[in-house]
C-alpha atoms as a PDB file:
ATOM      1  CA  UNK A   1     108.666  80.763  85.994  1.00  0.00           C
ATOM      2  CA  UNK A   2     106.417  79.009  88.482  1.00  0.00           C
ATOM      3  CA  UNK A   3     102.678  79.695  88.405  1.00  0.00           C
ATOM      4  CA  UNK A   4     101.039  80.990  91.553  1.00  0.00           C
ATOM      5  CA  UNK A   5      97.928  78.883  92.100  1.00  0.00           C
ATOM      6  CA  UNK A   6      95.996  81.579  93.950  1.00  0.00           C
ATOM      7  CA  UNK A   7      96.439  84.064  91.117  1.00  0.00           C
ATOM      8  CA  UNK A   8      95.436  81.458  88.534  1.00  0.00           C
ATOM      9  CA  UNK A   9      92.354  80.651  90.650  1.00  0.00           C
ATOM     10  CA  UNK A  10      91.409  84.332  90.781  1.00  0.00           C
ATOM     11  CA  UNK A  11      91.825  84.697  87.029  1.00  0.00           C
ATOM     12  CA  UNK A  12      89.520  81.716  86.461  1.00  0.00           C
ATOM     13  CA  UNK A  13      86.955  83.109  88.929  1.00  0.00           C
ATOM     14  CA  UNK A  14      87.040  86.524  87.235  1.00  0.00           C
ATOM     15  CA  UNK A  15      86.594  84.929  83.822  1.00  0.00           C
ATOM     16  CA  UNK A  16      83.722  82.775  85.042  1.00  0.00           C
ATOM     17  CA  UNK A  17      81.937  85.666  86.788  1.00  0.00           C
ATOM     18  CA  UNK A  18      82.364  88.079  83.881  1.00  0.00           C
ATOM     19  CA  UNK A  19      80.859  85.517  81.465  1.00  0.00           C
ATOM     20  CA  UNK A  20      77.778  85.001  83.663  1.00  0.00           C
ATOM     21  CA  UNK A  21      75.108  87.051  81.868  1.00  0.00           C
ATOM     22  CA  UNK A  22      72.797  87.138  84.895  1.00  0.00           C
ATOM     23  CA  UNK A  23      75.543  88.329  87.215  1.00  0.00           C
ATOM     24  CA  UNK A  24      76.677  91.007  84.750  1.00  0.00           C
ATOM     25  CA  UNK A  25      73.076  92.196  84.346  1.00  0.00           C
ATOM     26  CA  UNK A  26      72.641  92.286  88.139  1.00  0.00           C
ATOM     27  CA  UNK A  27      75.864  94.283  88.505  1.00  0.00           C
ATOM     28  CA  UNK A  28      74.822  96.750  85.785  1.00  0.00           C
ATOM     29  CA  UNK A  29      71.343  97.148  87.285  1.00  0.00           C
ATOM     30  CA  UNK A  30      72.722  97.655  90.802  1.00  0.00           C
ATOM     31  CA  UNK A  31      75.252 100.209  89.552  1.00  0.00           C
ATOM     32  CA  UNK A  32      72.468 102.082  87.797  1.00  0.00           C
ATOM     33  CA  UNK A  33      70.282 102.032  90.930  1.00  0.00           C
ATOM     34  CA  UNK A  34      73.175 103.292  93.067  1.00  0.00           C
ATOM     35  CA  UNK A  35      73.953 106.053  90.562  1.00  0.00           C
ATOM     36  CA  UNK A  36      70.316 107.143  90.334  1.00  0.00           C
ATOM     37  CA  UNK A  37      69.953 107.066  94.113  1.00  0.00           C
ATOM     38  CA  UNK A  38      73.054 109.182  94.619  1.00  0.00           C
ATOM     39  CA  UNK A  39      71.726 111.700  92.090  1.00  0.00           C
ATOM     40  CA  UNK A  40      68.659 112.319  94.266  1.00  0.00           C
ATOM     41  CA  UNK A  41      70.443 112.412  97.627  1.00  0.00           C
ATOM     42  CA  UNK A  42      70.221 108.780  98.760  1.00  0.00           C
ATOM     43  CA  UNK A  43      73.074 107.176 100.710  1.00  0.00           C
ATOM     44  CA  UNK A  44      74.963 103.940 100.173  1.00  0.00           C
ATOM     45  CA  UNK A  45      75.707 101.821 103.236  1.00  0.00           C
ATOM     46  CA  UNK A  46      78.362  99.109 103.230  1.00  0.00           C
ATOM     47  CA  UNK A  47      78.840  96.490 105.956  1.00  0.00           C
ATOM     48  CA  UNK A  48      80.824  93.335 106.541  1.00  0.00           C
ATOM     49  CA  UNK A  49      82.796  91.388 109.149  1.00  0.00           C
ATOM     50  CA  UNK A  50      86.547  90.815 109.288  1.00  0.00           C
ATOM     51  CA  UNK A  51      88.098  91.160 105.832  1.00  0.00           C
ATOM     52  CA  UNK A  52      84.700  92.129 104.444  1.00  0.00           C
ATOM     53  CA  UNK A  53      84.533  94.925 107.043  1.00  0.00           C
ATOM     54  CA  UNK A  54      87.828  96.246 105.699  1.00  0.00           C
ATOM     55  CA  UNK A  55      86.372  96.114 102.182  1.00  0.00           C
ATOM     56  CA  UNK A  56      83.227  97.924 103.359  1.00  0.00           C
ATOM     57  CA  UNK A  57      85.400 100.732 104.724  1.00  0.00           C
ATOM     58  CA  UNK A  58      87.564 100.791 101.615  1.00  0.00           C
ATOM     59  CA  UNK A  59      84.572 101.021  99.271  1.00  0.00           C
ATOM     60  CA  UNK A  60      82.855 103.736 101.304  1.00  0.00           C
ATOM     61  CA  UNK A  61      86.110 105.702 101.082  1.00  0.00           C
ATOM     62  CA  UNK A  62      86.142 105.297  97.284  1.00  0.00           C
ATOM     63  CA  UNK A  63      82.719 106.973  97.149  1.00  0.00           C
ATOM     64  CA  UNK A  64      83.347 109.754  99.687  1.00  0.00           C
ATOM     65  CA  UNK A  65      86.859 110.444  98.404  1.00  0.00           C
ATOM     66  CA  UNK A  66      87.376 109.305  94.856  1.00  0.00           C
ATOM     67  CA  UNK A  67      88.182 106.098  93.097  1.00  0.00           C
ATOM     68  CA  UNK A  68      89.829 107.553  89.973  1.00  0.00           C
ATOM     69  CA  UNK A  69      88.212 110.874  89.075  1.00  0.00           C
ATOM     70  CA  UNK A  70      87.107 113.557  91.517  1.00  0.00           C
ATOM     71  CA  UNK A  71      83.464 114.119  90.630  1.00  0.00           C
ATOM     72  CA  UNK A  72      82.700 115.293  94.157  1.00  0.00           C
ATOM     73  CA  UNK A  73      82.034 113.386  97.356  1.00  0.00           C
ATOM     74  CA  UNK A  74      79.254 110.802  97.300  1.00  0.00           C
ATOM     75  CA  UNK A  75      77.329 109.880 100.469  1.00  0.00           C
ATOM     76  CA  UNK A  76      78.591 106.448 101.484  1.00  0.00           C
ATOM     77  CA  UNK A  77      78.982 105.038 104.981  1.00  0.00           C
ATOM     78  CA  UNK A  78      80.682 101.904 106.241  1.00  0.00           C
ATOM     79  CA  UNK A  79      78.609 100.582 109.119  1.00  0.00           C
ATOM     80  CA  UNK A  80      81.654  98.521 110.136  1.00  0.00           C
ATOM     81  CA  UNK A  81      83.810 101.517 111.075  1.00  0.00           C
ATOM     82  CA  UNK A  82      82.878 102.698 114.565  1.00  0.00           C
ATOM     83  CA  UNK A  83      84.232 100.356 117.220  1.00  0.00           C
ATOM     84  CA  UNK A  84      82.345 102.430 119.781  1.00  0.00           C
ATOM     85  CA  UNK A  85      78.947 101.968 118.083  1.00  0.00           C
ATOM     86  CA  UNK A  86      79.646  98.309 117.307  1.00  0.00           C
ATOM     87  CA  UNK A  87      80.659  97.471 120.873  1.00  0.00           C
ATOM     88  CA  UNK A  88      77.826  99.507 122.424  1.00  0.00           C
ATOM     89  CA  UNK A  89      75.147  97.796 120.337  1.00  0.00           C
ATOM     90  CA  UNK A  90      76.721  94.356 120.758  1.00  0.00           C
ATOM     91  CA  UNK A  91      76.998  94.848 124.522  1.00  0.00           C
ATOM     92  CA  UNK A  92      73.594  96.440 125.162  1.00  0.00           C
ATOM     93  CA  UNK A  93      71.533  94.466 122.632  1.00  0.00           C
ATOM     94  CA  UNK A  94      73.102  91.783 120.483  1.00  0.00           C
ATOM     95  CA  UNK A  95      75.985  91.424 118.015  1.00  0.00           C
ATOM     96  CA  UNK A  96      73.443  90.440 115.358  1.00  0.00           C
ATOM     97  CA  UNK A  97      72.021  93.985 115.548  1.00  0.00           C
ATOM     98  CA  UNK A  98      75.239  95.986 115.060  1.00  0.00           C
ATOM     99  CA  UNK A  99      74.308  96.967 111.500  1.00  0.00           C
ATOM    100  CA  UNK A 100      70.508  96.958 111.665  1.00  0.00           C
ATOM    101  CA  UNK A 101      70.459  99.387 114.582  1.00  0.00           C
ATOM    102  CA  UNK A 102      72.622 101.833 112.596  1.00  0.00           C
ATOM    103  CA  UNK A 103      70.341 101.456 109.585  1.00  0.00           C
ATOM    104  CA  UNK A 104      67.332 102.274 111.765  1.00  0.00           C
ATOM    105  CA  UNK A 105      69.130 105.422 112.931  1.00  0.00           C
ATOM    106  CA  UNK A 106      70.581 106.586 109.606  1.00  0.00           C
ATOM    107  CA  UNK A 107      68.676 104.929 106.779  1.00  0.00           C
ATOM    108  CA  UNK A 108      65.865 106.340 104.687  1.00  0.00           C
ATOM    109  CA  UNK A 109      63.605 104.736 102.092  1.00  0.00           C
ATOM    110  CA  UNK A 110      65.460 104.532  98.780  1.00  0.00           C
ATOM    111  CA  UNK A 111      68.928 104.336 100.350  1.00  0.00           C
ATOM    112  CA  UNK A 112      71.049 101.357  99.301  1.00  0.00           C
ATOM    113  CA  UNK A 113      72.615  98.755 101.597  1.00  0.00           C
ATOM    114  CA  UNK A 114      75.448  96.541 100.337  1.00  0.00           C
ATOM    115  CA  UNK A 115      76.248  93.657 102.667  1.00  0.00           C
ATOM    116  CA  UNK A 116      79.471  91.746 102.154  1.00  0.00           C
ATOM    117  CA  UNK A 117      79.476  88.189 103.516  1.00  0.00           C
ATOM    118  CA  UNK A 118      81.533  85.514 101.804  1.00  0.00           C
ATOM    119  CA  UNK A 119      79.559  82.778 103.560  1.00  0.00           C
ATOM    120  CA  UNK A 120      76.221  84.531 103.168  1.00  0.00           C
ATOM    121  CA  UNK A 121      75.483  83.345 106.704  1.00  0.00           C
ATOM    122  CA  UNK A 122      76.575  86.317 108.831  1.00  0.00           C
ATOM    123  CA  UNK A 123      73.656  86.858 111.239  1.00  0.00           C
ATOM    124  CA  UNK A 124      74.302  90.613 111.469  1.00  0.00           C
ATOM    125  CA  UNK A 125      74.245  90.981 107.672  1.00  0.00           C
ATOM    126  CA  UNK A 126      71.061  88.898 107.403  1.00  0.00           C
ATOM    127  CA  UNK A 127      69.453  90.984 110.175  1.00  0.00           C
ATOM    128  CA  UNK A 128      70.486  94.164 108.348  1.00  0.00           C
ATOM    129  CA  UNK A 129      68.965  92.896 105.088  1.00  0.00           C
ATOM    130  CA  UNK A 130      65.698  92.126 106.879  1.00  0.00           C
ATOM    131  CA  UNK A 131      65.704  95.565 108.518  1.00  0.00           C
ATOM    132  CA  UNK A 132      66.291  97.188 105.129  1.00  0.00           C
ATOM    133  CA  UNK A 133      63.212  95.450 103.737  1.00  0.00           C
ATOM    134  CA  UNK A 134      61.113  96.928 106.570  1.00  0.00           C
ATOM    135  CA  UNK A 135      62.632 100.389 105.976  1.00  0.00           C
ATOM    136  CA  UNK A 136      62.289 100.261 102.149  1.00  0.00           C
ATOM    137  CA  UNK A 137      66.047 100.377 101.711  1.00  0.00           C
ATOM    138  CA  UNK A 138      67.343  98.706  98.530  1.00  0.00           C
ATOM    139  CA  UNK A 139      69.538  95.697  99.292  1.00  0.00           C
ATOM    140  CA  UNK A 140      72.482  93.917  97.746  1.00  0.00           C
ATOM    141  CA  UNK A 141      74.416  90.945  99.087  1.00  0.00           C
ATOM    142  CA  UNK A 142      77.911  90.193  97.803  1.00  0.00           C
ATOM    143  CA  UNK A 143      78.746  86.596  98.688  1.00  0.00           C
ATOM    144  CA  UNK A 144      80.096  83.282  97.375  1.00  0.00           C
ATOM    145  CA  UNK A 145      78.714  79.931  96.247  1.00  0.00           C
ATOM    146  CA  UNK A 146      78.286  78.951  99.902  1.00  0.00           C
ATOM    147  CA  UNK A 147      75.317  81.296 100.382  1.00  0.00           C
ATOM    148  CA  UNK A 148      72.248  79.454 101.690  1.00  0.00           C
ATOM    149  CA  UNK A 149      69.044  80.244  99.821  1.00  0.00           C
ATOM    150  CA  UNK A 150      67.298  81.402 103.026  1.00  0.00           C
ATOM    151  CA  UNK A 151      69.885  84.211 103.327  1.00  0.00           C
ATOM    152  CA  UNK A 152      68.779  85.734 100.034  1.00  0.00           C
ATOM    153  CA  UNK A 153      65.072  86.316 100.714  1.00  0.00           C
ATOM    154  CA  UNK A 154      65.560  90.010 101.546  1.00  0.00           C
ATOM    155  CA  UNK A 155      68.061  90.673  98.736  1.00  0.00           C
ATOM    156  CA  UNK A 156      67.232  92.785  95.691  1.00  0.00           C
ATOM    157  CA  UNK A 157      70.619  92.425  93.957  1.00  0.00           C
ATOM    158  CA  UNK A 158      72.597  89.241  94.638  1.00  0.00           C
ATOM    159  CA  UNK A 159      76.214  89.101  93.456  1.00  0.00           C
ATOM    160  CA  UNK A 160      77.830  85.688  93.866  1.00  0.00           C
ATOM    161  CA  UNK A 161      81.529  85.021  93.468  1.00  0.00           C
ATOM    162  CA  UNK A 162      81.774  81.622  91.753  1.00  0.00           C
ATOM    163  CA  UNK A 163      83.976  80.111  94.447  1.00  0.00           C
ATOM    164  CA  UNK A 164      83.909  78.702  97.970  1.00  0.00           C
ATOM    165  CA  UNK A 165      87.218  80.404  98.792  1.00  0.00           C
ATOM    166  CA  UNK A 166      86.918  83.350 101.176  1.00  0.00           C
ATOM    167  CA  UNK A 167      90.046  85.160  99.883  1.00  0.00           C
ATOM    168  CA  UNK A 168      89.068  84.751  96.217  1.00  0.00           C
ATOM    169  CA  UNK A 169      85.493  85.896  96.901  1.00  0.00           C
ATOM    170  CA  UNK A 170      86.769  88.969  98.750  1.00  0.00           C
ATOM    171  CA  UNK A 171      89.119  89.768  95.882  1.00  0.00           C
ATOM    172  CA  UNK A 172      86.231  89.642  93.427  1.00  0.00           C
ATOM    173  CA  UNK A 173      84.063  91.778  95.733  1.00  0.00           C
ATOM    174  CA  UNK A 174      86.756  94.452  95.873  1.00  0.00           C
ATOM    175  CA  UNK A 175      87.065  94.420  92.080  1.00  0.00           C
ATOM    176  CA  UNK A 176      83.271  94.721  91.743  1.00  0.00           C
ATOM    177  CA  UNK A 177      83.280  97.643  94.190  1.00  0.00           C
ATOM    178  CA  UNK A 178      86.046  99.429  92.312  1.00  0.00           C
ATOM    179  CA  UNK A 179      84.294  98.829  88.991  1.00  0.00           C
ATOM    180  CA  UNK A 180      81.070 100.253  90.427  1.00  0.00           C
ATOM    181  CA  UNK A 181      82.784 103.331  91.874  1.00  0.00           C
ATOM    182  CA  UNK A 182      84.642 104.015  88.615  1.00  0.00           C
ATOM    183  CA  UNK A 183      81.529 103.543  86.505  1.00  0.00           C
ATOM    184  CA  UNK A 184      79.547 105.923  88.743  1.00  0.00           C
ATOM    185  CA  UNK A 185      82.309 108.524  88.440  1.00  0.00           C
ATOM    186  CA  UNK A 186      82.188 108.209  84.647  1.00  0.00           C
ATOM    187  CA  UNK A 187      78.386 108.482  84.667  1.00  0.00           C
ATOM    188  CA  UNK A 188      78.630 111.537  86.946  1.00  0.00           C
ATOM    189  CA  UNK A 189      80.862 113.324  84.446  1.00  0.00           C
ATOM    190  CA  UNK A 190      78.262 113.046  81.654  1.00  0.00           C
END
């Protein structure tokens, strides 16, 4: 049977990421912060572009609906979902502000923003991270090895897929999101 290179690559990336003590600690700490925030009424915002936008929507749905166990709906919003809001802000202001403007309207101190950008260079994600800092919103960036250091200055919890491949990074991000949602459901049951 022939090996599929992409699957082998993903397996290696998963193994590498899961053995990275700093990344595992960051993931555990972020999951704990999200859980604690949800317990006191904070919201989780997700945002991304393209495939990462689809993941943002998917992960918000896992929180509002359920991932595995119905422990009740959790307040999560994908800022990538409304084509009307996105096009209005992009048209009237700037595409770089499509997420930050929504955060200014909906965000409160102590909420959590999770930006998904495989390059770490998406101007609208960077603008959102900077806006979060001004609004006292906790930030996380899920990215890849390509992330420039200047993109991380407003990030509280940085999760880096150990790859330069966009598809493999997105696959890891989705796994991380599912793991977080499942872990929060388990913690909510106790």
